[in-house]
């Protein structure tokens, strides 16, 4: 709306326009606050996803070490069984 058109409006019309703009501003402010909240939630999820991935990698290392220990134990048991077998045959 041009300045000339604004000057032709009466007080009631100007107040109505002001009220309409104020309502739009309130709606947009609420929408911005909602979007900010959603963004923060997404950032928190992304941060936690990184932490979960790091934890999974750490657990992988623990499981790998446990598997090596189990393999070592089984090899030792087999070796002992073989020695007992051989000493029993002699």
Protein backbone atom coordinates (compact mmCIF):
# COMPACT_ATOMS: atom_id res chain seq x y z
CA UNK A 1 0.00 0.00 0.00
CA UNK A 2 1.36 3.39 -0.91
CA UNK A 3 1.76 6.32 1.43
CA UNK A 4 -0.99 8.20 -0.40
CA UNK A 5 -3.40 5.30 0.13
CA UNK A 6 -2.44 5.12 3.81
CA UNK A 7 -3.25 8.82 4.27
CA UNK A 8 -6.76 8.23 2.90
CA UNK A 9 -7.54 5.59 5.54
CA UNK A 10 -9.49 6.60 8.62
CA UNK A 11 -8.40 5.91 12.17
CA UNK A 12 -10.48 2.73 12.48
CA UNK A 13 -9.01 1.23 9.28
CA UNK A 14 -5.48 2.08 10.41
CA UNK A 15 -6.05 0.46 13.79
CA UNK A 16 -7.50 -2.63 12.08
CA UNK A 17 -4.39 -2.87 9.89
CA UNK A 18 -2.18 -2.48 12.94
CA UNK A 19 -4.10 -5.20 14.77
CA UNK A 20 -3.82 -7.55 11.78
CA UNK A 21 -0.07 -6.95 11.52
CA UNK A 22 0.33 -7.48 15.25
CA UNK A 23 -1.48 -10.84 15.06
CA UNK A 24 0.68 -11.93 12.12
CA UNK A 25 3.78 -10.94 14.06
CA UNK A 26 2.63 -12.95 17.08
CA UNK A 27 1.96 -16.00 14.89
CA UNK A 28 5.36 -15.74 13.23
CA UNK A 29 7.10 -15.28 16.57
CA UNK A 30 5.41 -18.43 17.89
CA UNK A 31 6.32 -20.30 14.71
CA UNK A 32 9.97 -19.22 15.03
CA UNK A 33 10.06 -20.37 18.66
CA UNK A 34 8.60 -23.75 17.64
CA UNK A 35 11.12 -24.15 14.82
CA UNK A 36 13.99 -23.26 17.17
CA UNK A 37 12.79 -25.90 19.63
CA UNK A 38 12.61 -28.52 16.88
CA UNK A 39 16.08 -27.58 15.68
CA UNK A 40 17.51 -27.97 19.17
CA UNK A 41 15.83 -31.38 19.48
CA UNK A 42 17.35 -32.49 16.16
CA UNK A 43 20.77 -31.27 17.25
CA UNK A 44 20.43 -33.25 20.49
CA UNK A 45 19.48 -36.37 18.52
CA UNK A 46 22.48 -35.91 16.21
CA UNK A 47 24.78 -35.44 19.19
CA UNK A 48 23.43 -38.58 20.86
CA UNK A 49 23.75 -40.52 17.61
CA UNK A 50 27.45 -39.65 17.55
CA UNK A 51 27.79 -40.78 21.15
CA UNK A 52 26.00 -44.05 20.38
CA UNK A 53 28.31 -44.68 17.42
CA UNK A 54 31.35 -44.04 19.59
CA UNK A 55 29.99 -46.38 22.27
CA UNK A 56 29.38 -49.07 19.65
CA UNK A 57 32.97 -48.76 18.44
CA UNK A 58 34.17 -49.07 22.03
CA UNK A 59 32.04 -52.16 22.56
CA UNK A 60 33.41 -53.63 19.35
CA UNK A 61 36.90 -53.35 20.85
CA UNK A 62 35.72 -55.06 24.05
CA UNK A 63 34.08 -57.89 22.11
CA UNK A 64 37.16 -58.29 19.92
CA UNK A 65 39.38 -58.60 23.01
CA UNK A 66 36.94 -61.07 24.58
CA UNK A 67 36.94 -63.17 21.41
CA UNK A 68 40.75 -63.24 21.35
CA UNK A 69 40.80 -64.34 25.01
CA UNK A 70 38.24 -67.07 24.30
CA UNK A 71 40.25 -68.27 21.28
CA UNK A 72 43.43 -68.32 23.37
CA UNK A 73 41.65 -70.29 26.11
CA UNK A 74 40.28 -72.85 23.63
CA UNK A 75 43.72 -73.26 22.03
CA UNK A 76 45.22 -73.88 25.48
CA UNK A 77 42.52 -76.45 26.32
CA UNK A 78 43.05 -78.24 23.00
CA UNK A 79 46.79 -78.29 23.53
CA UNK A 80 46.36 -79.72 27.03
CA UNK A 81 43.94 -82.35 25.69
CA UNK A 82 46.41 -83.31 22.96
CA UNK A 83 49.24 -83.62 25.50
CA UNK A 84 47.10 -85.80 27.77
CA UNK A 85 46.19 -87.95 24.81
CA UNK A 86 49.83 -88.31 23.80
CA UNK A 87 50.98 -89.07 27.34
CA UNK A 88 48.23 -91.67 27.67
CA UNK A 89 49.38 -93.41 24.50
CA UNK A 90 52.99 -93.60 25.59
